[in-house]
């Protein structure tokens, strides 16, 4: 069975900062089942949750710093109140330059995972491309990181940065197996950090193969960091690509079929 489809709010970050209700309403109209916030846009957790509930949107997960150190409990308080059970974040590129630096960084991740587990919450590690280009004595940094990572930490695989690193997202997803629980589905030229991304299916990545290779996926999350055209059009086309091929599913009665019926029966 396919996973439900969500959208990472970084795709519409500037717009959400201006008018969050309008953004959430448009995403709900497209048919997305959930959002993955990277900010609460000036709202309290209760206010943010009230908005998403009002539009029939779940909060699948959230991007938030690993809940370690003196701010760790406060971070968990915020997202527990929001009703989020999975928090995703990454190490910084400078933490991946050497094995020792990476292991020091993982102390923060593993501490956060232990704290989160006490509240019934999960930490997810989100990759960029530094994990997949750096190596330590011939061992890929990502492999070394995974070996030292608390097994309770799940993976949020960003297929775009895998491709930018020159690797095959589908092959990596298959190798990682059931640990991949969240996927950032993206498409574009796969050249670097400043790429303008395109709707799923319009770029160079084999989106379908990557999604199908994730056999234990809880959420398929569309994220387009930037695009040259209209972002909502690109998100709608991406949603239709995933749901039309039954790679993921949206909310019942919402999406391409409902929009088409609405146009035929004004």
Protein backbone atom coordinates (compact mmCIF):
# COMPACT_ATOMS: atom_id res chain seq x y z
CA UNK A 1 0.00 0.00 0.00
CA UNK A 2 1.29 3.46 -0.84
CA UNK A 3 2.23 6.04 1.77
CA UNK A 4 0.24 9.26 2.23
CA UNK A 5 1.65 12.36 0.56
CA UNK A 6 2.66 15.47 2.51
CA UNK A 7 4.47 18.70 1.69
CA UNK A 8 7.45 20.26 3.43
CA UNK A 9 6.53 23.86 4.17
CA UNK A 10 10.01 25.06 3.21
CA UNK A 11 8.64 24.91 -0.33
CA UNK A 12 6.33 27.83 0.51
CA UNK A 13 8.30 29.29 3.41
CA UNK A 14 8.19 32.95 2.36
CA UNK A 15 4.51 32.78 1.44
CA UNK A 16 3.66 31.01 4.70
CA UNK A 17 5.38 33.77 6.62
CA UNK A 18 3.07 36.29 4.96
CA UNK A 19 -0.23 34.40 5.06
CA UNK A 20 -0.11 30.95 6.62
CA UNK A 21 -3.89 30.28 6.50
CA UNK A 22 -4.00 30.99 2.76
CA UNK A 23 -1.04 28.68 2.15
CA UNK A 24 -2.51 25.85 4.20
CA UNK A 25 -5.84 26.27 2.47
CA UNK A 26 -4.25 25.98 -0.97
CA UNK A 27 -2.27 22.88 0.02
CA UNK A 28 -5.41 21.27 1.43
CA UNK A 29 -7.26 22.09 -1.79
CA UNK A 30 -4.56 20.34 -3.82
CA UNK A 31 -5.14 17.23 -1.73
CA UNK A 32 -2.05 16.90 0.46
CA UNK A 33 -2.72 14.82 3.54
CA UNK A 34 -0.23 16.59 5.79
CA UNK A 35 2.43 19.23 6.15
CA UNK A 36 5.95 19.04 7.57
CA UNK A 37 6.71 22.42 9.16
CA UNK A 38 10.12 23.96 9.56
CA UNK A 39 8.66 26.92 11.49
CA UNK A 40 5.47 27.78 13.34
CA UNK A 41 5.41 31.20 11.66
CA UNK A 42 4.85 33.20 14.82
CA UNK A 43 2.09 30.93 16.15
CA UNK A 44 1.97 28.97 19.34
CA UNK A 45 1.80 25.19 18.92
CA UNK A 46 -1.91 25.30 19.77
CA UNK A 47 -2.58 28.04 17.23
CA UNK A 48 -0.65 26.25 14.50
CA UNK A 49 -2.42 22.97 15.20
CA UNK A 50 -5.79 24.69 15.17
CA UNK A 51 -5.05 25.98 11.67
CA UNK A 52 -3.94 22.63 10.27
CA UNK A 53 -6.86 20.83 11.89
CA UNK A 54 -9.22 23.39 10.41
CA UNK A 55 -8.02 22.53 6.92
CA UNK A 56 -8.05 18.79 7.52
CA UNK A 57 -4.25 18.56 7.38
CA UNK A 58 -2.15 16.32 9.59
CA UNK A 59 1.34 17.22 10.75
CA UNK A 60 3.39 14.26 9.61
CA UNK A 61 6.69 15.32 11.20
CA UNK A 62 8.62 18.51 11.78
CA UNK A 63 12.08 19.87 11.12
CA UNK A 64 13.52 20.98 14.44
CA UNK A 65 17.03 20.92 15.93
CA UNK A 66 18.01 17.72 17.70
CA UNK A 67 16.58 18.05 21.24
CA UNK A 68 19.89 17.92 23.09
CA UNK A 69 21.59 20.27 25.52
CA UNK A 70 19.88 22.95 27.60
CA UNK A 71 17.25 23.71 24.91
CA UNK A 72 16.38 20.07 24.33
CA UNK A 73 13.45 19.76 26.70
CA UNK A 74 11.97 23.05 25.50
CA UNK A 75 12.10 21.79 21.91
CA UNK A 76 10.33 18.60 22.93
CA UNK A 77 7.74 20.58 24.89
CA UNK A 78 6.91 22.63 21.78
CA UNK A 79 6.50 19.70 19.41
CA UNK A 80 4.78 17.48 21.93
CA UNK A 81 2.16 20.24 22.32
CA UNK A 82 1.93 20.45 18.53
CA UNK A 83 1.18 16.73 18.45
CA UNK A 84 4.22 15.75 16.38
CA UNK A 85 5.82 12.38 17.00
CA UNK A 86 8.84 12.64 14.66
CA UNK A 87 11.47 15.40 14.54
CA UNK A 88 13.96 15.53 11.66
CA UNK A 89 17.25 17.42 11.43
CA UNK A 90 20.81 17.11 10.05
CA UNK A 91 24.41 17.50 11.09
CA UNK A 92 26.15 20.58 9.73
CA UNK A 93 28.57 20.14 6.79
CA UNK A 94 31.56 21.06 8.96
CA UNK A 95 30.62 18.23 11.33
CA UNK A 96 31.11 15.74 8.50
CA UNK A 97 34.64 16.73 7.44
CA UNK A 98 36.35 14.19 9.72
CA UNK A 99 35.24 11.02 11.49
CA UNK A 100 35.96 12.55 14.91
CA UNK A 101 33.86 15.63 14.13
CA UNK A 102 31.03 13.43 12.91
CA UNK A 103 31.11 11.28 16.04
CA UNK A 104 31.03 14.40 18.24
CA UNK A 105 28.02 15.62 16.27
CA UNK A 106 26.26 12.30 16.73
CA UNK A 107 26.48 12.69 20.49
CA UNK A 108 23.88 15.44 20.05
CA UNK A 109 21.72 13.27 17.80
CA UNK A 110 21.82 10.25 20.07
CA UNK A 111 21.14 12.33 23.17
CA UNK A 112 18.15 13.84 21.39
CA UNK A 113 16.90 10.39 20.43
CA UNK A 114 17.10 9.19 24.03
CA UNK A 115 15.23 12.24 25.32
CA UNK A 116 12.59 11.97 22.59
CA UNK A 117 12.01 8.29 23.30
CA UNK A 118 11.10 9.08 26.89
CA UNK A 119 8.14 11.04 25.50
CA UNK A 120 7.17 8.47 22.90
CA UNK A 121 8.72 10.56 20.13
CA UNK A 122 11.19 9.65 17.39
CA UNK A 123 14.18 11.41 15.84
CA UNK A 124 14.81 11.21 12.10
CA UNK A 125 18.13 11.95 10.43
CA UNK A 126 17.78 14.00 7.25
CA UNK A 127 20.67 13.86 4.79
CA UNK A 128 22.08 16.53 2.53
CA UNK A 129 24.92 15.67 0.16
CA UNK A 130 27.96 16.15 2.43
CA UNK A 131 27.23 12.79 4.08
CA UNK A 132 27.43 11.20 0.63
CA UNK A 133 30.56 12.90 -0.68
CA UNK A 134 32.82 12.83 2.39
CA UNK A 135 34.66 9.65 3.31
CA UNK A 136 36.88 8.43 6.14
CA UNK A 137 39.68 6.08 5.11
CA UNK A 138 37.61 4.86 2.19
CA UNK A 139 34.36 4.51 4.12
CA UNK A 140 31.47 6.71 3.01
CA UNK A 141 30.67 9.24 5.73
CA UNK A 142 26.98 8.30 5.61
CA UNK A 143 27.80 4.64 6.27
CA UNK A 144 30.04 5.57 9.18
CA UNK A 145 27.32 7.87 10.53
CA UNK A 146 24.65 5.17 10.31
CA UNK A 147 26.87 2.66 12.08
CA UNK A 148 27.28 5.00 15.05
CA UNK A 149 23.71 6.32 15.06
CA UNK A 150 21.28 5.16 17.73
CA UNK A 151 19.23 2.40 16.03
CA UNK A 152 16.07 4.14 17.26
CA UNK A 153 16.78 7.03 14.88
CA UNK A 154 14.90 6.60 11.62
CA UNK A 155 15.93 8.09 8.29
CA UNK A 156 14.38 10.86 6.27
CA UNK A 157 15.99 10.27 2.89
CA UNK A 158 16.32 13.33 0.68
CA UNK A 159 16.53 11.81 -2.78
CA UNK A 160 17.65 15.05 -4.43
CA UNK A 161 20.84 15.44 -2.42
CA UNK A 162 21.63 11.78 -3.01
CA UNK A 163 21.50 12.48 -6.75
CA UNK A 164 23.56 15.67 -6.39
CA UNK A 165 26.23 13.53 -4.69
CA UNK A 166 26.30 11.34 -7.80
CA UNK A 167 24.52 8.32 -6.29
CA UNK A 168 21.34 6.55 -7.32
CA UNK A 169 18.51 7.40 -4.87
CA UNK A 170 16.60 4.18 -5.57
CA UNK A 171 19.68 2.01 -5.02
CA UNK A 172 20.52 3.77 -1.77
CA UNK A 173 16.92 3.54 -0.54
CA UNK A 174 16.89 -0.17 -1.27
CA UNK A 175 20.18 -0.64 0.59
CA UNK A 176 18.93 1.29 3.64
CA UNK A 177 15.77 -0.80 3.80
CA UNK A 178 13.16 -0.40 6.52
CA UNK A 179 15.03 2.39 8.28
CA UNK A 180 13.82 4.88 5.65
CA UNK A 181 10.48 6.03 7.04
CA UNK A 182 10.25 9.49 5.44
CA UNK A 183 11.18 10.49 1.89
CA UNK A 184 11.74 13.98 0.54
CA UNK A 185 10.56 13.62 -3.04
CA UNK A 186 12.16 16.23 -5.31
CA UNK A 187 13.14 16.68 -8.94
CA UNK A 188 15.31 18.99 -10.99
CA UNK A 189 18.71 19.16 -12.69
CA UNK A 190 20.54 17.67 -9.67
CA UNK A 191 23.59 19.89 -10.03
CA UNK A 192 23.91 21.64 -6.65
CA UNK A 193 22.52 23.65 -3.76
CA UNK A 194 21.33 26.56 -5.92
CA UNK A 195 19.24 24.45 -8.30
CA UNK A 196 15.79 25.58 -9.31
CA UNK A 197 13.66 22.50 -8.88
CA UNK A 198 10.77 21.33 -11.02
CA UNK A 199 7.59 19.35 -10.55
CA UNK A 200 8.10 15.66 -9.93
CA UNK A 201 8.49 13.89 -13.25
CA UNK A 202 9.80 16.94 -15.10
CA UNK A 203 13.45 16.69 -14.07
CA UNK A 204 16.39 14.31 -14.27
CA UNK A 205 15.58 12.05 -11.30
CA UNK A 206 13.76 8.74 -11.49
CA UNK A 207 11.18 9.70 -8.88
CA UNK A 208 9.08 6.59 -9.35
CA UNK A 209 11.99 4.21 -8.76
CA UNK A 210 13.07 6.08 -5.63
CA UNK A 211 9.60 6.02 -4.10
CA UNK A 212 9.06 2.35 -4.92
CA UNK A 213 12.43 1.45 -3.38
CA UNK A 214 11.25 2.79 0.01
CA UNK A 215 9.44 -0.28 1.29
CA UNK A 216 8.59 0.93 4.81
CA UNK A 217 7.62 4.51 4.06
CA UNK A 218 5.32 6.30 6.51
CA UNK A 219 5.17 9.54 4.49
CA UNK A 220 6.16 10.67 1.02
CA UNK A 221 6.93 14.36 1.45
CA UNK A 222 7.16 16.70 -1.54
CA UNK A 223 9.77 19.43 -1.14
CA UNK A 224 10.80 21.86 -3.86
CA UNK A 225 13.38 24.24 -2.40
CA UNK A 226 12.81 26.82 -5.13
CA UNK A 227 11.36 26.89 -8.61
CA UNK A 228 11.46 29.28 -11.56
CA UNK A 229 7.70 29.11 -12.04
CA UNK A 230 4.66 29.14 -9.79
CA UNK A 231 5.34 27.04 -6.71
CA UNK A 232 1.74 25.96 -6.15
CA UNK A 233 1.46 24.79 -9.76
CA UNK A 234 4.65 22.74 -9.32
CA UNK A 235 3.37 21.28 -6.04
CA UNK A 236 0.01 20.40 -7.60
CA UNK A 237 1.69 18.73 -10.56
CA UNK A 238 3.96 16.83 -8.15
CA UNK A 239 0.97 15.70 -6.12
CA UNK A 240 -0.78 14.52 -9.28
CA UNK A 241 2.36 12.66 -10.39
CA UNK A 242 2.53 10.70 -7.14
CA UNK A 243 -1.15 9.99 -6.75
CA UNK A 244 -1.82 9.40 -10.44
CA UNK A 245 0.81 6.65 -10.49
CA UNK A 246 -0.39 5.32 -7.12
CA UNK A 247 3.02 5.96 -5.64
CA UNK A 248 1.36 7.83 -2.78
CA UNK A 249 -2.14 8.82 -1.80
CA UNK A 250 -3.75 12.04 -0.64
CA UNK A 251 -6.92 12.71 1.30
CA UNK A 252 -10.00 10.81 0.17
CA UNK A 253 -12.18 12.80 -2.20
CA UNK A 254 -9.58 15.51 -2.66
CA UNK A 255 -7.01 16.00 -5.39
CA UNK A 256 -6.87 15.64 -9.15
CA UNK A 257 -10.11 13.71 -9.59
CA UNK A 258 -12.07 16.08 -7.36
CA UNK A 259 -10.58 19.14 -9.06
CA UNK A 260 -11.40 17.74 -12.49
CA UNK A 261 -14.98 16.97 -11.44
CA UNK A 262 -15.33 20.46 -10.06
CA UNK A 263 -14.28 21.96 -13.37
CA UNK A 264 -16.71 19.73 -15.28
CA UNK A 265 -19.56 20.54 -12.90
CA UNK A 266 -19.20 24.18 -11.94
